[in-house]
């Protein structure tokens, strides 16, 4: 048995971690287990299907119920794909007229005109 950090063979047993023997290198002090197994993860097909469901309007928890993938995993996939998208572009023409009727009606119906009830 050799330390993965310094390649020293001077190691001691150091208890168990998740049912596997944990070792401690005497030379460099690193803790390690004998063999690491990489995380299996989800296939690209499952990721693609989950992202397609999200784009088509399904919620994260609904996708979780159907596909069996945790909703925070799906959120992370959406963020990763979003980082690949280009930044917002500037339009060639700016409209001359805009409509604000709904915004004015909403602000006008509020009891307070500013934050925290202050005038």
C-alpha atoms as a PDB file:
ATOM      1  CA  UNK A   1       0.000   0.000   0.000  1.00  0.00           C
ATOM      2  CA  UNK A   2       1.397   3.398  -1.006  1.00  0.00           C
ATOM      3  CA  UNK A   3       0.289   6.939  -0.277  1.00  0.00           C
ATOM      4  CA  UNK A   4      -1.248   8.572  -3.384  1.00  0.00           C
ATOM      5  CA  UNK A   5       0.356  11.911  -2.424  1.00  0.00           C
ATOM      6  CA  UNK A   6       4.013  11.140  -1.627  1.00  0.00           C
ATOM      7  CA  UNK A   7       4.191   7.466  -2.736  1.00  0.00           C
ATOM      8  CA  UNK A   8       5.523   6.437   0.671  1.00  0.00           C
ATOM      9  CA  UNK A   9       4.834   2.881   1.852  1.00  0.00           C
ATOM     10  CA  UNK A  10       4.927   3.923   5.530  1.00  0.00           C
ATOM     11  CA  UNK A  11       1.154   4.055   6.257  1.00  0.00           C
ATOM     12  CA  UNK A  12      -0.996   3.173   9.260  1.00  0.00           C
ATOM     13  CA  UNK A  13      -4.617   2.118   9.519  1.00  0.00           C
ATOM     14  CA  UNK A  14      -6.817   4.993  10.620  1.00  0.00           C
ATOM     15  CA  UNK A  15     -10.316   3.632  11.283  1.00  0.00           C
ATOM     16  CA  UNK A  16     -13.117   3.130   8.778  1.00  0.00           C
ATOM     17  CA  UNK A  17     -14.854   5.635   6.541  1.00  0.00           C
ATOM     18  CA  UNK A  18     -18.177   4.658   4.954  1.00  0.00           C
ATOM     19  CA  UNK A  19     -17.418   0.991   5.536  1.00  0.00           C
ATOM     20  CA  UNK A  20     -13.943   1.114   3.976  1.00  0.00           C
ATOM     21  CA  UNK A  21     -10.565   0.993   5.684  1.00  0.00           C
ATOM     22  CA  UNK A  22      -9.067   4.464   6.095  1.00  0.00           C
ATOM     23  CA  UNK A  23      -5.274   4.888   6.065  1.00  0.00           C
ATOM     24  CA  UNK A  24      -2.944   7.632   7.296  1.00  0.00           C
ATOM     25  CA  UNK A  25       0.431   8.352   5.707  1.00  0.00           C
ATOM     26  CA  UNK A  26       3.132   8.779   8.354  1.00  0.00           C
ATOM     27  CA  UNK A  27       5.348  10.837   6.021  1.00  0.00           C
ATOM     28  CA  UNK A  28       2.950  13.512   4.732  1.00  0.00           C
ATOM     29  CA  UNK A  29      -0.106  13.054   7.024  1.00  0.00           C
ATOM     30  CA  UNK A  30      -2.614  12.485   4.218  1.00  0.00           C
ATOM     31  CA  UNK A  31      -5.671  10.320   4.882  1.00  0.00           C
ATOM     32  CA  UNK A  32      -6.850   8.044   2.094  1.00  0.00           C
ATOM     33  CA  UNK A  33      -8.682   4.812   1.329  1.00  0.00           C
ATOM     34  CA  UNK A  34      -7.235   1.931  -0.651  1.00  0.00           C
ATOM     35  CA  UNK A  35      -9.239   2.271  -3.849  1.00  0.00           C
ATOM     36  CA  UNK A  36     -11.407   5.131  -5.061  1.00  0.00           C
ATOM     37  CA  UNK A  37     -14.378   4.423  -7.294  1.00  0.00           C
ATOM     38  CA  UNK A  38     -15.430   7.329  -9.500  1.00  0.00           C
ATOM     39  CA  UNK A  39     -19.000   8.578  -9.214  1.00  0.00           C
ATOM     40  CA  UNK A  40     -21.169   7.024 -11.908  1.00  0.00           C
ATOM     41  CA  UNK A  41     -23.329  10.080 -12.602  1.00  0.00           C
ATOM     42  CA  UNK A  42     -26.175  10.313 -15.098  1.00  0.00           C
ATOM     43  CA  UNK A  43     -25.998   9.582 -18.800  1.00  0.00           C
ATOM     44  CA  UNK A  44     -26.093  12.365 -21.375  1.00  0.00           C
ATOM     45  CA  UNK A  45     -29.480  11.041 -22.549  1.00  0.00           C
ATOM     46  CA  UNK A  46     -31.040  11.535 -19.083  1.00  0.00           C
ATOM     47  CA  UNK A  47     -29.563  15.049 -18.866  1.00  0.00           C
ATOM     48  CA  UNK A  48     -30.886  15.897 -22.322  1.00  0.00           C
ATOM     49  CA  UNK A  49     -34.389  14.613 -21.489  1.00  0.00           C
ATOM     50  CA  UNK A  50     -34.512  16.548 -18.196  1.00  0.00           C
ATOM     51  CA  UNK A  51     -33.372  19.767 -19.890  1.00  0.00           C
ATOM     52  CA  UNK A  52     -35.926  19.266 -22.667  1.00  0.00           C
ATOM     53  CA  UNK A  53     -38.697  18.815 -20.074  1.00  0.00           C
ATOM     54  CA  UNK A  54     -37.571  22.019 -18.320  1.00  0.00           C
ATOM     55  CA  UNK A  55     -37.524  24.008 -21.574  1.00  0.00           C
ATOM     56  CA  UNK A  56     -41.044  22.750 -22.343  1.00  0.00           C
ATOM     57  CA  UNK A  57     -42.348  24.247 -19.098  1.00  0.00           C
ATOM     58  CA  UNK A  58     -42.145  21.478 -16.512  1.00  0.00           C
ATOM     59  CA  UNK A  59     -41.080  22.361 -12.994  1.00  0.00           C
ATOM     60  CA  UNK A  60     -37.957  20.990 -11.341  1.00  0.00           C
ATOM     61  CA  UNK A  61     -39.855  18.877  -8.818  1.00  0.00           C
ATOM     62  CA  UNK A  62     -42.172  17.462 -11.479  1.00  0.00           C
ATOM     63  CA  UNK A  63     -39.124  16.356 -13.472  1.00  0.00           C
ATOM     64  CA  UNK A  64     -37.702  14.889 -10.266  1.00  0.00           C
ATOM     65  CA  UNK A  65     -40.847  12.801  -9.732  1.00  0.00           C
ATOM     66  CA  UNK A  66     -40.861  11.510 -13.316  1.00  0.00           C
ATOM     67  CA  UNK A  67     -37.157  10.903 -13.965  1.00  0.00           C
ATOM     68  CA  UNK A  68     -35.939  10.171 -10.438  1.00  0.00           C
ATOM     69  CA  UNK A  69     -33.204  12.848 -10.612  1.00  0.00           C
ATOM     70  CA  UNK A  70     -32.919  15.223  -7.643  1.00  0.00           C
ATOM     71  CA  UNK A  71     -34.206  18.719  -8.416  1.00  0.00           C
ATOM     72  CA  UNK A  72     -30.979  20.473  -7.341  1.00  0.00           C
ATOM     73  CA  UNK A  73     -29.087  18.323  -9.845  1.00  0.00           C
ATOM     74  CA  UNK A  74     -31.444  19.528 -12.576  1.00  0.00           C
ATOM     75  CA  UNK A  75     -30.986  23.139 -11.432  1.00  0.00           C
ATOM     76  CA  UNK A  76     -27.211  22.728 -11.688  1.00  0.00           C
ATOM     77  CA  UNK A  77     -27.560  21.301 -15.221  1.00  0.00           C
ATOM     78  CA  UNK A  78     -29.699  24.287 -16.239  1.00  0.00           C
ATOM     79  CA  UNK A  79     -27.087  26.680 -14.826  1.00  0.00           C
ATOM     80  CA  UNK A  80     -24.301  24.886 -16.714  1.00  0.00           C
ATOM     81  CA  UNK A  81     -26.192  25.142 -19.999  1.00  0.00           C
ATOM     82  CA  UNK A  82     -27.073  28.782 -19.265  1.00  0.00           C
ATOM     83  CA  UNK A  83     -23.389  29.684 -18.903  1.00  0.00           C
ATOM     84  CA  UNK A  84     -22.793  28.398 -22.433  1.00  0.00           C
ATOM     85  CA  UNK A  85     -25.357  30.810 -23.891  1.00  0.00           C
ATOM     86  CA  UNK A  86     -24.163  34.138 -25.305  1.00  0.00           C
ATOM     87  CA  UNK A  87     -24.712  37.387 -23.412  1.00  0.00           C
ATOM     88  CA  UNK A  88     -27.796  39.503 -24.158  1.00  0.00           C
ATOM     89  CA  UNK A  89     -27.504  41.371 -27.416  1.00  0.00           C
ATOM     90  CA  UNK A  90     -28.256  45.009 -28.099  1.00  0.00           C
ATOM     91  CA  UNK A  91     -31.202  45.445 -30.479  1.00  0.00           C
ATOM     92  CA  UNK A  92     -30.616  47.293 -33.757  1.00  0.00           C
ATOM     93  CA  UNK A  93     -33.595  49.590 -33.267  1.00  0.00           C
ATOM     94  CA  UNK A  94     -35.065  51.000 -30.080  1.00  0.00           C
ATOM     95  CA  UNK A  95     -38.874  51.300 -30.018  1.00  0.00           C
ATOM     96  CA  UNK A  96     -40.273  54.848 -29.896  1.00  0.00           C
ATOM     97  CA  UNK A  97     -43.420  54.027 -27.906  1.00  0.00           C
ATOM     98  CA  UNK A  98     -43.800  51.934 -24.775  1.00  0.00           C
ATOM     99  CA  UNK A  99     -46.892  51.088 -22.749  1.00  0.00           C
ATOM    100  CA  UNK A 100     -46.862  51.477 -18.954  1.00  0.00           C
ATOM    101  CA  UNK A 101     -50.556  51.281 -18.050  1.00  0.00           C
ATOM    102  CA  UNK A 102     -50.328  48.122 -15.952  1.00  0.00           C
ATOM    103  CA  UNK A 103     -47.264  49.307 -14.066  1.00  0.00           C
ATOM    104  CA  UNK A 104     -48.858  52.648 -13.188  1.00  0.00           C
ATOM    105  CA  UNK A 105     -52.074  50.959 -12.055  1.00  0.00           C
ATOM    106  CA  UNK A 106     -50.159  48.588  -9.782  1.00  0.00           C
ATOM    107  CA  UNK A 107     -48.055  51.319  -8.173  1.00  0.00           C
ATOM    108  CA  UNK A 108     -51.083  53.551  -7.802  1.00  0.00           C
ATOM    109  CA  UNK A 109     -52.974  50.867  -5.873  1.00  0.00           C
ATOM    110  CA  UNK A 110     -50.232  50.286  -3.295  1.00  0.00           C
ATOM    111  CA  UNK A 111     -50.888  51.647   0.181  1.00  0.00           C
ATOM    112  CA  UNK A 112     -47.358  52.921   0.620  1.00  0.00           C
ATOM    113  CA  UNK A 113     -45.422  54.749  -2.057  1.00  0.00           C
ATOM    114  CA  UNK A 114     -41.960  53.717  -0.806  1.00  0.00           C
ATOM    115  CA  UNK A 115     -40.233  50.839   1.020  1.00  0.00           C
ATOM    116  CA  UNK A 116     -40.891  49.673   4.594  1.00  0.00           C
ATOM    117  CA  UNK A 117     -44.003  51.820   4.984  1.00  0.00           C
ATOM    118  CA  UNK A 118     -41.977  55.073   4.952  1.00  0.00           C
ATOM    119  CA  UNK A 119     -43.252  58.164   3.156  1.00  0.00           C
END
